[in-house]
PDB file of N, CA and C in Angstrom:
ATOM      1  N   MET A   1      44.638 -17.402  35.315  1.00  0.00           N
ATOM      2  CA  MET A   1      44.856 -16.397  34.292  1.00  0.00           C
ATOM      3  C   MET A   1      44.634 -16.984  32.897  1.00  0.00           C
ATOM      4  N   LYS A   2      45.163 -18.199  32.649  1.00  0.00           N
ATOM      5  CA  LYS A   2      44.995 -18.821  31.345  1.00  0.00           C
ATOM      6  C   LYS A   2      43.531 -19.133  31.057  1.00  0.00           C
ATOM      7  N   VAL A   3      42.795 -19.552  32.071  1.00  0.00           N
ATOM      8  CA  VAL A   3      41.382 -19.875  31.890  1.00  0.00           C
ATOM      9  C   VAL A   3      40.613 -18.599  31.539  1.00  0.00           C
ATOM     10  N   ALA A   4      40.887 -17.518  32.232  1.00  0.00           N
ATOM     11  CA  ALA A   4      40.198 -16.254  31.964  1.00  0.00           C
ATOM     12  C   ALA A   4      40.492 -15.780  30.541  1.00  0.00           C
ATOM     13  N   PHE A   5      41.714 -15.930  30.079  1.00  0.00           N
ATOM     14  CA  PHE A   5      42.071 -15.537  28.715  1.00  0.00           C
ATOM     15  C   PHE A   5      41.334 -16.397  27.692  1.00  0.00           C
ATOM     16  N   LYS A   6      41.269 -17.709  27.941  1.00  0.00           N
ATOM     17  CA  LYS A   6      40.571 -18.608  27.020  1.00  0.00           C
ATOM     18  C   LYS A   6      39.082 -18.256  26.933  1.00  0.00           C
ATOM     19  N   VAL A   7      38.472 -17.941  28.063  1.00  0.00           N
ATOM     20  CA  VAL A   7      37.060 -17.563  28.071  1.00  0.00           C
ATOM     21  C   VAL A   7      36.876 -16.249  27.311  1.00  0.00           C
ATOM     22  N   PHE A   8      37.728 -15.274  27.597  1.00  0.00           N
ATOM     23  CA  PHE A   8      37.652 -13.989  26.908  1.00  0.00           C
ATOM     24  C   PHE A   8      37.847 -14.162  25.409  1.00  0.00           C
ATOM     25  N   PHE A   9      38.849 -14.925  25.022  1.00  0.00           N
ATOM     26  CA  PHE A   9      39.132 -15.170  23.605  1.00  0.00           C
ATOM     27  C   PHE A   9      37.955 -15.878  22.927  1.00  0.00           C
ATOM     28  N   SER A  10      37.359 -16.840  23.590  1.00  0.00           N
ATOM     29  CA  SER A  10      36.205 -17.565  23.041  1.00  0.00           C
ATOM     30  C   SER A  10      35.021 -16.630  22.825  1.00  0.00           C
ATOM     31  N   ILE A  11      34.812 -15.732  23.752  1.00  0.00           N
ATOM     32  CA  ILE A  11      33.712 -14.765  23.628  1.00  0.00           C
ATOM     33  C   ILE A  11      33.966 -13.820  22.451  1.00  0.00           C
ATOM     34  N   VAL A  12      35.192 -13.356  22.301  1.00  0.00           N
ATOM     35  CA  VAL A  12      35.534 -12.453  21.199  1.00  0.00           C
ATOM     36  C   VAL A  12      35.351 -13.158  19.857  1.00  0.00           C
ATOM     37  N   VAL A  13      35.803 -14.395  19.741  1.00  0.00           N
ATOM     38  CA  VAL A  13      35.658 -15.147  18.497  1.00  0.00           C
ATOM     39  C   VAL A  13      34.182 -15.388  18.193  1.00  0.00           C
ATOM     40  N   ALA A  14      33.410 -15.773  19.178  1.00  0.00           N
ATOM     41  CA  ALA A  14      31.978 -16.011  18.974  1.00  0.00           C
ATOM     42  C   ALA A  14      31.280 -14.729  18.525  1.00  0.00           C
ATOM     43  N   ALA A  15      31.624 -13.611  19.149  1.00  0.00           N
ATOM     44  CA  ALA A  15      31.016 -12.327  18.772  1.00  0.00           C
ATOM     45  C   ALA A  15      31.385 -11.961  17.332  1.00  0.00           C
ATOM     46  N   ALA A  16      32.611 -12.209  16.939  1.00  0.00           N
ATOM     47  CA  ALA A  16      33.041 -11.905  15.570  1.00  0.00           C
ATOM     48  C   ALA A  16      32.293 -12.768  14.553  1.00  0.00           C
ATOM     49  N   VAL A  17      32.094 -14.019  14.862  1.00  0.00           N
ATOM     50  CA  VAL A  17      31.359 -14.918  13.963  1.00  0.00           C
ATOM     51  C   VAL A  17      29.911 -14.455  13.821  1.00  0.00           C
ATOM     52  N   VAL A  18      29.280 -14.125  14.936  1.00  0.00           N
ATOM     53  CA  VAL A  18      27.889 -13.667  14.899  1.00  0.00           C
ATOM     54  C   VAL A  18      27.785 -12.364  14.109  1.00  0.00           C
ATOM     55  N   CYS A  19      28.677 -11.420  14.350  1.00  0.00           N
ATOM     56  CA  CYS A  19      28.657 -10.152  13.614  1.00  0.00           C
ATOM     57  C   CYS A  19      28.888 -10.384  12.125  1.00  0.00           C
ATOM     58  N   GLY A  20      29.808 -11.246  11.790  1.00  0.00           N
ATOM     59  CA  GLY A  20      30.077 -11.564  10.388  1.00  0.00           C
ATOM     60  C   GLY A  20      28.858 -12.156   9.706  1.00  0.00           C
ATOM     61  N   PHE A  21      28.148 -13.032  10.402  1.00  0.00           N
ATOM     62  CA  PHE A  21      26.934 -13.625   9.831  1.00  0.00           C
ATOM     63  C   PHE A  21      25.894 -12.552   9.552  1.00  0.00           C
ATOM     64  N   PHE A  22      25.671 -11.657  10.509  1.00  0.00           N
ATOM     65  CA  PHE A  22      24.657 -10.635  10.315  1.00  0.00           C
ATOM     66  C   PHE A  22      25.046  -9.648   9.224  1.00  0.00           C
ATOM     67  N   ILE A  23      26.307  -9.319   9.097  1.00  0.00           N
ATOM     68  CA  ILE A  23      26.742  -8.435   8.016  1.00  0.00           C
ATOM     69  C   ILE A  23      26.525  -9.122   6.676  1.00  0.00           C
ATOM     70  N   TRP A  24      26.875 -10.402   6.571  1.00  0.00           N
ATOM     71  CA  TRP A  24      26.660 -11.150   5.335  1.00  0.00           C
ATOM     72  C   TRP A  24      25.181 -11.238   5.025  1.00  0.00           C
ATOM     73  N   ARG A  25      24.382 -11.545   6.021  1.00  0.00           N
ATOM     74  CA  ARG A  25      22.936 -11.700   5.825  1.00  0.00           C
ATOM     75  C   ARG A  25      22.289 -10.364   5.483  1.00  0.00           C
ATOM     76  N   PHE A  26      22.756  -9.300   6.085  1.00  0.00           N
ATOM     77  CA  PHE A  26      22.186  -7.975   5.894  1.00  0.00           C
ATOM     78  C   PHE A  26      22.371  -7.492   4.458  1.00  0.00           C
ATOM     79  N   GLU A  27      23.428  -7.930   3.797  1.00  0.00           N
ATOM     80  CA  GLU A  27      23.738  -7.449   2.459  1.00  0.00           C
ATOM     81  C   GLU A  27      23.314  -8.416   1.351  1.00  0.00           C
ATOM     82  N   LYS A  28      22.562  -9.439   1.678  1.00  0.00           N
ATOM     83  CA  LYS A  28      22.174 -10.427   0.677  1.00  0.00           C
ATOM     84  C   LYS A  28      21.058  -9.879  -0.205  1.00  0.00           C
ATOM     85  N   ASN A  29      21.258  -9.930  -1.525  1.00  0.00           N
ATOM     86  CA  ASN A  29      20.261  -9.424  -2.463  1.00  0.00           C
ATOM     87  C   ASN A  29      19.052 -10.355  -2.521  1.00  0.00           C
ATOM     88  N   PRO A  30      17.855  -9.794  -2.555  1.00  0.00           N
ATOM     89  CA  PRO A  30      16.651 -10.618  -2.603  1.00  0.00           C
ATOM     90  C   PRO A  30      16.385 -11.222  -3.983  1.00  0.00           C
ATOM     91  N   VAL A  31      16.993 -10.650  -5.017  1.00  0.00           N
ATOM     92  CA  VAL A  31      16.813 -11.114  -6.394  1.00  0.00           C
ATOM     93  C   VAL A  31      18.197 -11.265  -7.008  1.00  0.00           C
ATOM     94  N   SER A  32      18.442 -12.378  -7.683  1.00  0.00           N
ATOM     95  CA  SER A  32      19.766 -12.606  -8.251  1.00  0.00           C
ATOM     96  C   SER A  32      19.993 -11.759  -9.506  1.00  0.00           C
ATOM     97  N   GLU A  33      21.249 -11.583  -9.852  1.00  0.00           N
ATOM     98  CA  GLU A  33      21.599 -10.831 -11.059  1.00  0.00           C
ATOM     99  C   GLU A  33      21.055 -11.541 -12.299  1.00  0.00           C
ATOM    100  N   ASN A  34      21.080 -12.871 -12.292  1.00  0.00           N
ATOM    101  CA  ASN A  34      20.540 -13.638 -13.418  1.00  0.00           C
ATOM    102  C   ASN A  34      19.055 -13.354 -13.613  1.00  0.00           C
ATOM    103  N   GLN A  35      18.329 -13.261 -12.504  1.00  0.00           N
ATOM    104  CA  GLN A  35      16.898 -12.971 -12.603  1.00  0.00           C
ATOM    105  C   GLN A  35      16.651 -11.574 -13.172  1.00  0.00           C
ATOM    106  N   THR A  36      17.413 -10.590 -12.718  1.00  0.00           N
ATOM    107  CA  THR A  36      17.189  -9.221 -13.197  1.00  0.00           C
ATOM    108  C   THR A  36      17.530  -9.092 -14.678  1.00  0.00           C
ATOM    109  N   GLU A  37      18.490  -9.875 -15.149  1.00  0.00           N
ATOM    110  CA  GLU A  37      18.843  -9.829 -16.573  1.00  0.00           C
ATOM    111  C   GLU A  37      17.703 -10.344 -17.451  1.00  0.00           C
ATOM    112  N   LEU A  38      16.834 -11.166 -16.890  1.00  0.00           N
ATOM    113  CA  LEU A  38      15.719 -11.727 -17.652  1.00  0.00           C
ATOM    114  C   LEU A  38      14.469 -10.840 -17.636  1.00  0.00           C
ATOM    115  N   LEU A  39      14.458  -9.821 -16.775  1.00  0.00           N
ATOM    116  CA  LEU A  39      13.315  -8.904 -16.739  1.00  0.00           C
ATOM    117  C   LEU A  39      13.286  -8.064 -18.009  1.00  0.00           C
ATOM    118  N   LYS A  40      12.098  -7.875 -18.549  1.00  0.00           N
ATOM    119  CA  LYS A  40      11.917  -7.065 -19.758  1.00  0.00           C
ATOM    120  C   LYS A  40      10.718  -6.143 -19.558  1.00  0.00           C
ATOM    121  N   VAL A  41      10.868  -4.886 -19.944  1.00  0.00           N
ATOM    122  CA  VAL A  41       9.762  -3.939 -19.893  1.00  0.00           C
ATOM    123  C   VAL A  41       8.607  -4.519 -20.703  1.00  0.00           C
ATOM    124  N   GLY A  42       7.400  -4.438 -20.138  1.00  0.00           N
ATOM    125  CA  GLY A  42       6.216  -4.942 -20.815  1.00  0.00           C
ATOM    126  C   GLY A  42       5.767  -6.320 -20.341  1.00  0.00           C
ATOM    127  N   MET A  43       6.581  -6.971 -19.493  1.00  0.00           N
ATOM    128  CA  MET A  43       6.177  -8.278 -18.970  1.00  0.00           C
ATOM    129  C   MET A  43       4.922  -8.115 -18.112  1.00  0.00           C
ATOM    130  N   SER A  44       4.096  -9.144 -18.086  1.00  0.00           N
ATOM    131  CA  SER A  44       2.903  -9.125 -17.240  1.00  0.00           C
ATOM    132  C   SER A  44       3.293  -9.424 -15.788  1.00  0.00           C
ATOM    133  N   LYS A  45       2.365  -9.148 -14.885  1.00  0.00           N
ATOM    134  CA  LYS A  45       2.609  -9.467 -13.476  1.00  0.00           C
ATOM    135  C   LYS A  45       2.820 -10.966 -13.289  1.00  0.00           C
ATOM    136  N   ALA A  46       2.074 -11.768 -14.025  1.00  0.00           N
ATOM    137  CA  ALA A  46       2.223 -13.230 -13.926  1.00  0.00           C
ATOM    138  C   ALA A  46       3.614 -13.671 -14.382  1.00  0.00           C
ATOM    139  N   GLU A  47       4.130 -13.059 -15.434  1.00  0.00           N
ATOM    140  CA  GLU A  47       5.476 -13.402 -15.925  1.00  0.00           C
ATOM    141  C   GLU A  47       6.544 -12.995 -14.912  1.00  0.00           C
ATOM    142  N   VAL A  48       6.374 -11.823 -14.321  1.00  0.00           N
ATOM    143  CA  VAL A  48       7.341 -11.356 -13.314  1.00  0.00           C
ATOM    144  C   VAL A  48       7.306 -12.276 -12.103  1.00  0.00           C
ATOM    145  N   GLU A  49       6.120 -12.644 -11.658  1.00  0.00           N
ATOM    146  CA  GLU A  49       6.014 -13.527 -10.499  1.00  0.00           C
ATOM    147  C   GLU A  49       6.584 -14.908 -10.804  1.00  0.00           C
ATOM    148  N   LEU A  50       6.407 -15.394 -12.007  1.00  0.00           N
ATOM    149  CA  LEU A  50       6.981 -16.680 -12.399  1.00  0.00           C
ATOM    150  C   LEU A  50       8.501 -16.626 -12.341  1.00  0.00           C
ATOM    151  N   LEU A  51       9.075 -15.497 -12.741  1.00  0.00           N
ATOM    152  CA  LEU A  51      10.531 -15.329 -12.753  1.00  0.00           C
ATOM    153  C   LEU A  51      11.102 -15.062 -11.366  1.00  0.00           C
ATOM    154  N   LEU A  52      10.485 -14.152 -10.610  1.00  0.00           N
ATOM    155  CA  LEU A  52      11.048 -13.717  -9.327  1.00  0.00           C
ATOM    156  C   LEU A  52      10.423 -14.386  -8.107  1.00  0.00           C
ATOM    157  N   GLY A  53       9.259 -15.006  -8.296  1.00  0.00           N
ATOM    158  CA  GLY A  53       8.538 -15.568  -7.162  1.00  0.00           C
ATOM    159  C   GLY A  53       7.587 -14.522  -6.605  1.00  0.00           C
ATOM    160  N   PRO A  54       6.829 -14.895  -5.588  1.00  0.00           N
ATOM    161  CA  PRO A  54       5.877 -13.940  -5.015  1.00  0.00           C
ATOM    162  C   PRO A  54       6.607 -12.817  -4.276  1.00  0.00           C
ATOM    163  N   PRO A  55       6.094 -11.598  -4.376  1.00  0.00           N
ATOM    164  CA  PRO A  55       6.742 -10.479  -3.685  1.00  0.00           C
ATOM    165  C   PRO A  55       6.525 -10.550  -2.178  1.00  0.00           C
ATOM    166  N   ALA A  56       7.419  -9.902  -1.452  1.00  0.00           N
ATOM    167  CA  ALA A  56       7.279  -9.814   0.003  1.00  0.00           C
ATOM    168  C   ALA A  56       6.167  -8.837   0.373  1.00  0.00           C
ATOM    169  N   LYS A  57       5.958  -7.832  -0.485  1.00  0.00           N
ATOM    170  CA  LYS A  57       4.951  -6.808  -0.203  1.00  0.00           C
ATOM    171  C   LYS A  57       4.419  -6.261  -1.527  1.00  0.00           C
ATOM    172  N   VAL A  58       3.140  -5.936  -1.536  1.00  0.00           N
ATOM    173  CA  VAL A  58       2.501  -5.330  -2.701  1.00  0.00           C
ATOM    174  C   VAL A  58       1.865  -4.026  -2.239  1.00  0.00           C
ATOM    175  N   SER A  59       2.070  -2.961  -3.020  1.00  0.00           N
ATOM    176  CA  SER A  59       1.490  -1.660  -2.649  1.00  0.00           C
ATOM    177  C   SER A  59      -0.031  -1.724  -2.713  1.00  0.00           C
ATOM    178  N   ASN A  60      -0.686  -0.769  -2.068  1.00  0.00           N
ATOM    179  CA  ASN A  60      -2.150  -0.729  -2.003  1.00  0.00           C
ATOM    180  C   ASN A  60      -2.808  -0.719  -3.382  1.00  0.00           C
ATOM    181  N   ASN A  61      -2.232   0.011  -4.321  1.00  0.00           N
ATOM    182  CA  ASN A  61      -2.829   0.070  -5.658  1.00  0.00           C
ATOM    183  C   ASN A  61      -2.236  -0.975  -6.609  1.00  0.00           C
ATOM    184  N   GLN A  62      -1.477  -1.915  -6.074  1.00  0.00           N
ATOM    185  CA  GLN A  62      -0.949  -3.062  -6.817  1.00  0.00           C
ATOM    186  C   GLN A  62       0.087  -2.697  -7.879  1.00  0.00           C
ATOM    187  N   ASP A  63       0.579  -1.447  -7.908  1.00  0.00           N
ATOM    188  CA  ASP A  63       1.501  -1.066  -8.976  1.00  0.00           C
ATOM    189  C   ASP A  63       2.974  -1.191  -8.601  1.00  0.00           C
ATOM    190  N   GLU A  64       3.274  -1.493  -7.352  1.00  0.00           N
ATOM    191  CA  GLU A  64       4.667  -1.691  -6.957  1.00  0.00           C
ATOM    192  C   GLU A  64       4.791  -2.923  -6.077  1.00  0.00           C
ATOM    193  N   TRP A  65       5.696  -3.787  -6.465  1.00  0.00           N
ATOM    194  CA  TRP A  65       6.002  -4.981  -5.686  1.00  0.00           C
ATOM    195  C   TRP A  65       7.364  -4.802  -5.051  1.00  0.00           C
ATOM    196  N   THR A  66       7.512  -5.320  -3.850  1.00  0.00           N
ATOM    197  CA  THR A  66       8.761  -5.226  -3.111  1.00  0.00           C
ATOM    198  C   THR A  66       9.272  -6.629  -2.805  1.00  0.00           C
ATOM    199  N   TYR A  67      10.544  -6.838  -3.106  1.00  0.00           N
ATOM    200  CA  TYR A  67      11.212  -8.101  -2.784  1.00  0.00           C
ATOM    201  C   TYR A  67      12.311  -7.811  -1.777  1.00  0.00           C
ATOM    202  N   SER A  68      12.313  -8.558  -0.683  1.00  0.00           N
ATOM    203  CA  SER A  68      13.347  -8.379   0.335  1.00  0.00           C
ATOM    204  C   SER A  68      13.517  -9.673   1.113  1.00  0.00           C
ATOM    205  N   GLN A  69      14.647  -9.789   1.773  1.00  0.00           N
ATOM    206  CA  GLN A  69      14.936 -10.922   2.642  1.00  0.00           C
ATOM    207  C   GLN A  69      14.760 -10.470   4.081  1.00  0.00           C
ATOM    208  N   PRO A  70      14.310 -11.353   4.968  1.00  0.00           N
ATOM    209  CA  PRO A  70      14.195 -10.962   6.381  1.00  0.00           C
ATOM    210  C   PRO A  70      15.545 -10.498   6.930  1.00  0.00           C
ATOM    211  N   MET A  71      15.514  -9.436   7.679  1.00  0.00           N
ATOM    212  CA  MET A  71      16.702  -8.890   8.341  1.00  0.00           C
ATOM    213  C   MET A  71      17.814  -8.524   7.364  1.00  0.00           C
ATOM    214  N   SER A  72      17.454  -8.026   6.186  1.00  0.00           N
ATOM    215  CA  SER A  72      18.487  -7.578   5.252  1.00  0.00           C
ATOM    216  C   SER A  72      18.043  -6.288   4.587  1.00  0.00           C
ATOM    217  N   TRP A  73      19.006  -5.488   4.153  1.00  0.00           N
ATOM    218  CA  TRP A  73      18.664  -4.193   3.597  1.00  0.00           C
ATOM    219  C   TRP A  73      18.396  -4.200   2.112  1.00  0.00           C
ATOM    220  N   PRO A  74      19.199  -4.796   1.268  1.00  0.00           N
ATOM    221  CA  PRO A  74      18.897  -4.588  -0.150  1.00  0.00           C
ATOM    222  C   PRO A  74      17.436  -4.931  -0.436  1.00  0.00           C
ATOM    223  N   ILE A  75      16.739  -3.982  -1.025  1.00  0.00           N
ATOM    224  CA  ILE A  75      15.332  -4.161  -1.361  1.00  0.00           C
ATOM    225  C   ILE A  75      15.187  -3.962  -2.866  1.00  0.00           C
ATOM    226  N   PHE A  76      14.463  -4.861  -3.499  1.00  0.00           N
ATOM    227  CA  PHE A  76      14.258  -4.811  -4.938  1.00  0.00           C
ATOM    228  C   PHE A  76      12.821  -4.394  -5.209  1.00  0.00           C
ATOM    229  N   TYR A  77      12.664  -3.313  -5.983  1.00  0.00           N
ATOM    230  CA  TYR A  77      11.339  -2.785  -6.299  1.00  0.00           C
ATOM    231  C   TYR A  77      11.017  -3.057  -7.768  1.00  0.00           C
ATOM    232  N   VAL A  78       9.794  -3.488  -8.005  1.00  0.00           N
ATOM    233  CA  VAL A  78       9.300  -3.720  -9.356  1.00  0.00           C
ATOM    234  C   VAL A  78       8.045  -2.869  -9.524  1.00  0.00           C
ATOM    235  N   SER A  79       7.977  -2.078 -10.598  1.00  0.00           N
ATOM    236  CA  SER A  79       6.831  -1.186 -10.821  1.00  0.00           C
ATOM    237  C   SER A  79       6.091  -1.560 -12.100  1.00  0.00           C
ATOM    238  N   PHE A  80       4.771  -1.458 -12.021  1.00  0.00           N
ATOM    239  CA  PHE A  80       3.894  -1.788 -13.144  1.00  0.00           C
ATOM    240  C   PHE A  80       3.061  -0.572 -13.527  1.00  0.00           C
ATOM    241  N   ASP A  81       2.633  -0.541 -14.793  1.00  0.00           N
ATOM    242  CA  ASP A  81       1.722   0.522 -15.224  1.00  0.00           C
ATOM    243  C   ASP A  81       0.284   0.130 -14.876  1.00  0.00           C
ATOM    244  N   MET A  82      -0.680   0.961 -15.261  1.00  0.00           N
ATOM    245  CA  MET A  82      -2.072   0.693 -14.886  1.00  0.00           C
ATOM    246  C   MET A  82      -2.655  -0.522 -15.607  1.00  0.00           C
ATOM    247  N   ASN A  83      -1.966  -1.016 -16.618  1.00  0.00           N
ATOM    248  CA  ASN A  83      -2.403  -2.225 -17.321  1.00  0.00           C
ATOM    249  C   ASN A  83      -1.741  -3.485 -16.773  1.00  0.00           C
ATOM    250  N   GLY A  84      -0.935  -3.318 -15.713  1.00  0.00           N
ATOM    251  CA  GLY A  84      -0.271  -4.463 -15.107  1.00  0.00           C
ATOM    252  C   GLY A  84       0.960  -4.927 -15.853  1.00  0.00           C
ATOM    253  N   ARG A  85       1.580  -4.015 -16.603  1.00  0.00           N
ATOM    254  CA  ARG A  85       2.790  -4.341 -17.358  1.00  0.00           C
ATOM    255  C   ARG A  85       4.012  -3.719 -16.688  1.00  0.00           C
ATOM    256  N   LEU A  86       5.103  -4.461 -16.692  1.00  0.00           N
ATOM    257  CA  LEU A  86       6.346  -4.023 -16.046  1.00  0.00           C
ATOM    258  C   LEU A  86       6.886  -2.770 -16.736  1.00  0.00           C
ATOM    259  N   VAL A  87       7.179  -1.750 -15.922  1.00  0.00           N
ATOM    260  CA  VAL A  87       7.755  -0.519 -16.475  1.00  0.00           C
ATOM    261  C   VAL A  87       9.164  -0.247 -15.951  1.00  0.00           C
ATOM    262  N   SER A  88       9.467  -0.693 -14.719  1.00  0.00           N
ATOM    263  CA  SER A  88      10.816  -0.439 -14.186  1.00  0.00           C
ATOM    264  C   SER A  88      11.093  -1.344 -12.992  1.00  0.00           C
ATOM    265  N   TRP A  89      12.375  -1.416 -12.639  1.00  0.00           N
ATOM    266  CA  TRP A  89      12.809  -2.150 -11.452  1.00  0.00           C
ATOM    267  C   TRP A  89      14.068  -1.505 -10.937  1.00  0.00           C
ATOM    268  N   GLU A  90      14.298  -1.656  -9.645  1.00  0.00           N
ATOM    269  CA  GLU A  90      15.435  -0.990  -8.999  1.00  0.00           C
ATOM    270  C   GLU A  90      15.857  -1.755  -7.763  1.00  0.00           C
ATOM    271  N   LEU A  91      17.162  -1.874  -7.564  1.00  0.00           N
ATOM    272  CA  LEU A  91      17.717  -2.448  -6.349  1.00  0.00           C
ATOM    273  C   LEU A  91      18.182  -1.320  -5.460  1.00  0.00           C
ATOM    274  N   ASP A  92      17.580  -1.197  -4.285  1.00  0.00           N
ATOM    275  CA  ASP A  92      17.951  -0.159  -3.323  1.00  0.00           C
ATOM    276  C   ASP A  92      18.950  -0.751  -2.352  1.00  0.00           C
ATOM    277  N   ARG A  93      20.162  -0.292  -2.415  1.00  0.00           N
ATOM    278  CA  ARG A  93      21.204  -0.778  -1.506  1.00  0.00           C
ATOM    279  C   ARG A  93      21.272   0.162  -0.360  1.00  0.00           C
TER     280      ARG A  93
END
């Protein structure tokens, strides 16, 4: 009986740790608050990439960049005008 309880308890603890990791990982922001504070409307694509790094995805017409972490939801969108200048950004939670 004690062995069965120890095995059951070990499985429950392991499952809780794994679930906790995935919840933490799922909610991790792809761009830090410090980085977003440095974004300014009118920045060039090169300046944005220097600050945030390369995007995870670029739209077909190159006007929207997407930043995300594997297996996580918060997605950060950066939008440019037709001259390649930053016009807006948004964190989708």
